[in-house]
C-alpha atoms as a PDB file:
ATOM      1  CA  LEU A   1      -0.252  -0.245   0.280  1.00  0.00           C
ATOM      2  CA  ALA A   2       1.385   3.507  -1.187  1.00  0.00           C
ATOM      3  CA  PRO A   3       1.489   6.149   1.761  1.00  0.00           C
ATOM      4  CA  GLY A   4      -0.912   8.547  -0.507  1.00  0.00           C
ATOM      5  CA  ALA A   5      -3.654   5.728  -0.367  1.00  0.00           C
ATOM      6  CA  PHE A   6      -3.040   4.753   3.399  1.00  0.00           C
ATOM      7  CA  ALA A   7      -5.822   7.581   4.225  1.00  0.00           C
ATOM      8  CA  GLN A   8      -8.193   6.309   1.986  1.00  0.00           C
ATOM      9  CA  SER A   9      -8.057   2.639   3.174  1.00  0.00           C
ATOM     10  CA  ILE A  10      -8.590   3.610   6.668  1.00  0.00           C
ATOM     11  CA  PHE A  11     -11.148   5.416   5.828  1.00  0.00           C
ATOM     12  CA  ASP A  12     -12.732   2.166   3.663  1.00  0.00           C
ATOM     13  CA  GLU A  13     -11.841   0.033   6.324  1.00  0.00           C
ATOM     14  CA  ALA A  14     -13.928   2.217   9.133  1.00  0.00           C
ATOM     15  CA  ARG A  15     -16.876   2.527   6.912  1.00  0.00           C
ATOM     16  CA  ALA A  16     -16.875  -1.391   6.230  1.00  0.00           C
ATOM     17  CA  ARG A  17     -16.531  -2.288  10.103  1.00  0.00           C
ATOM     18  CA  GLY A  18     -18.957  -0.008  10.877  1.00  0.00           C
ATOM     19  CA  PHE A  19     -16.653   2.456  12.957  1.00  0.00           C
ATOM     20  CA  GLU A  20     -18.416   5.660  12.944  1.00  0.00           C
ATOM     21  CA  ASP A  21     -15.721   7.735  14.109  1.00  0.00           C
ATOM     22  CA  GLY A  22     -13.510   6.971  11.908  1.00  0.00           C
ATOM     23  CA  VAL A  23     -16.044   7.324   8.860  1.00  0.00           C
ATOM     24  CA  LYS A  24     -16.616  10.988  10.653  1.00  0.00           C
ATOM     25  CA  LEU A  25     -13.106  11.564  10.542  1.00  0.00           C
ATOM     26  CA  GLY A  26     -13.509  11.313   6.784  1.00  0.00           C
ATOM     27  CA  VAL A  27     -10.409  10.404   4.310  1.00  0.00           C
ATOM     28  CA  GLN A  28      -9.208  14.119   4.696  1.00  0.00           C
ATOM     29  CA  GLY A  29      -8.844  13.850   8.370  1.00  0.00           C
ATOM     30  CA  TRP A  30      -7.191  10.521   8.503  1.00  0.00           C
ATOM     31  CA  ALA A  31      -4.675  12.037   5.959  1.00  0.00           C
ATOM     32  CA  GLU A  32      -4.202  14.854   8.552  1.00  0.00           C
ATOM     33  CA  LEU A  33      -3.286  12.241  11.277  1.00  0.00           C
ATOM     34  CA  LEU A  34      -1.460  10.967   9.605  1.00  0.00           C
ATOM     35  CA  ARG A  35       0.947  13.899   8.573  1.00  0.00           C
ATOM     36  CA  THR A  36       0.937  14.661  12.798  1.00  0.00           C
ATOM     37  CA  ILE A  37       1.561  11.452  13.802  1.00  0.00           C
ATOM     38  CA  GLY A  38       4.103  10.296  10.473  1.00  0.00           C
ATOM     39  CA  GLY A  39       6.577  11.606  11.696  1.00  0.00           C
ATOM     40  CA  HIS A  40      10.158   9.691  11.831  1.00  0.00           C
ATOM     41  CA  SER A  41      11.577  11.570  14.682  1.00  0.00           C
ATOM     42  CA  ILE A  42      13.295   9.463  17.519  1.00  0.00           C
ATOM     43  CA  ARG A  43      12.071  10.107  21.306  1.00  0.00           C
ATOM     44  CA  PRO A  44      14.714  10.253  23.889  1.00  0.00           C
ATOM     45  CA  SER A  45      12.610   9.420  26.804  1.00  0.00           C
ATOM     46  CA  MET A  46      11.258   6.221  24.446  1.00  0.00           C
ATOM     47  CA  VAL A  47      15.161   5.263  23.538  1.00  0.00           C
ATOM     48  CA  THR A  48      15.719   5.671  27.325  1.00  0.00           C
ATOM     49  CA  ALA A  49      12.548   3.312  28.475  1.00  0.00           C
ATOM     50  CA  ILE A  50      13.841   0.664  25.778  1.00  0.00           C
ATOM     51  CA  ARG A  51      17.031   0.623  27.559  1.00  0.00           C
ATOM     52  CA  ARG A  52      15.883   0.152  31.023  1.00  0.00           C
ATOM     53  CA  LEU A  53      13.219  -2.819  29.829  1.00  0.00           C
ATOM     54  CA  ARG A  54      16.629  -4.305  28.194  1.00  0.00           C
ATOM     55  CA  GLU A  55      18.299  -3.506  31.334  1.00  0.00           C
ATOM     56  CA  ALA A  56      15.825  -5.025  33.302  1.00  0.00           C
ATOM     57  CA  GLY A  57      15.997  -8.550  31.532  1.00  0.00           C
ATOM     58  CA  PHE A  58      12.635  -7.856  29.152  1.00  0.00           C
ATOM     59  CA  THR A  59      12.657  -9.102  25.821  1.00  0.00           C
ATOM     60  CA  VAL A  60      11.741  -5.959  23.472  1.00  0.00           C
ATOM     61  CA  ALA A  61      10.258  -5.856  20.301  1.00  0.00           C
ATOM     62  CA  ALA A  62       8.554  -2.825  18.166  1.00  0.00           C
ATOM     63  CA  LEU A  63       5.748  -3.732  15.546  1.00  0.00           C
ATOM     64  CA  THR A  64       5.447  -0.869  13.003  1.00  0.00           C
ATOM     65  CA  ASN A  65       2.635   0.338  10.402  1.00  0.00           C
ATOM     66  CA  ASN A  66       5.471   2.107   8.837  1.00  0.00           C
ATOM     67  CA  PHE A  67       5.945   3.120   5.284  1.00  0.00           C
ATOM     68  CA  SER A  68       9.143   2.739   3.179  1.00  0.00           C
ATOM     69  CA  PRO A  69      10.418   5.840   1.211  1.00  0.00           C
ATOM     70  CA  SER A  70       9.907   5.152  -2.465  1.00  0.00           C
ATOM     71  CA  ASP A  71      13.252   7.387  -2.906  1.00  0.00           C
ATOM     72  CA  PRO A  72      16.347   4.674  -2.348  1.00  0.00           C
ATOM     73  CA  ALA A  73      18.234   7.685  -1.305  1.00  0.00           C
ATOM     74  CA  ALA A  74      15.613   8.547   1.462  1.00  0.00           C
ATOM     75  CA  ARG A  75      15.282   5.348   2.813  1.00  0.00           C
ATOM     76  CA  ALA A  76      18.969   5.068   3.074  1.00  0.00           C
ATOM     77  CA  ALA A  77      18.887   7.729   5.101  1.00  0.00           C
ATOM     78  CA  LEU A  78      16.190   6.998   7.145  1.00  0.00           C
ATOM     79  CA  GLU A  79      17.870   3.413   7.874  1.00  0.00           C
ATOM     80  CA  GLN A  80      20.948   5.226   8.688  1.00  0.00           C
ATOM     81  CA  GLU A  81      19.570   7.381  11.223  1.00  0.00           C
ATOM     82  CA  GLN A  82      17.073   4.626  12.996  1.00  0.00           C
ATOM     83  CA  ALA A  83      20.106   1.913  12.885  1.00  0.00           C
ATOM     84  CA  PRO A  84      20.746   2.696  16.487  1.00  0.00           C
ATOM     85  CA  VAL A  85      17.647   2.659  18.079  1.00  0.00           C
ATOM     86  CA  ARG A  86      16.530  -0.753  15.976  1.00  0.00           C
ATOM     87  CA  SER A  87      19.470  -2.315  17.268  1.00  0.00           C
ATOM     88  CA  LEU A  88      18.038  -1.808  20.880  1.00  0.00           C
ATOM     89  CA  PHE A  89      15.468  -4.416  20.163  1.00  0.00           C
ATOM     90  CA  HIS A  90      15.375  -7.942  20.002  1.00  0.00           C
ATOM     91  CA  ALA A  91      12.430  -8.213  17.500  1.00  0.00           C
ATOM     92  CA  PHE A  92      11.500  -5.230  14.613  1.00  0.00           C
ATOM     93  CA  VAL A  93       8.960  -6.076  12.495  1.00  0.00           C
ATOM     94  CA  GLU A  94       7.806  -3.736   9.775  1.00  0.00           C
ATOM     95  CA  SER A  95       4.387  -3.196   7.711  1.00  0.00           C
ATOM     96  CA  ALA A  96       6.693  -1.983   5.257  1.00  0.00           C
ATOM     97  CA  VAL A  97       8.273  -4.700   5.118  1.00  0.00           C
ATOM     98  CA  VAL A  98       5.678  -8.012   5.933  1.00  0.00           C
ATOM     99  CA  GLY A  99       2.947  -6.354   3.682  1.00  0.00           C
ATOM    100  CA  LEU A 100       0.856  -6.165   6.443  1.00  0.00           C
ATOM    101  CA  ARG A 101      -0.310  -3.497   8.828  1.00  0.00           C
ATOM    102  CA  LYS A 102      -1.781  -4.225  12.059  1.00  0.00           C
ATOM    103  CA  PRO A 103      -5.158  -3.054  13.021  1.00  0.00           C
END
């Protein structure tokens, strides 16, 4: 699923499942929400929390609903930026890689 089609897909799913709030949001509302939460910034407080969980002996995994940039240079830059954080997880499952998104 291409990033540009995601808002329409979420809207269609909300309508098919009878999720009224999701339908009320509309395609444009979903697109705006995705723009708002779709940043790739790394949150230092989350990195600290993940490190503490590992140090306490927990197995730590990530399950994403992400998109891989279509531009190879942008994808490489994003992967380089995220590498230190990804290495903190025992498992890292990406929707862009497995071809499925979580509910």
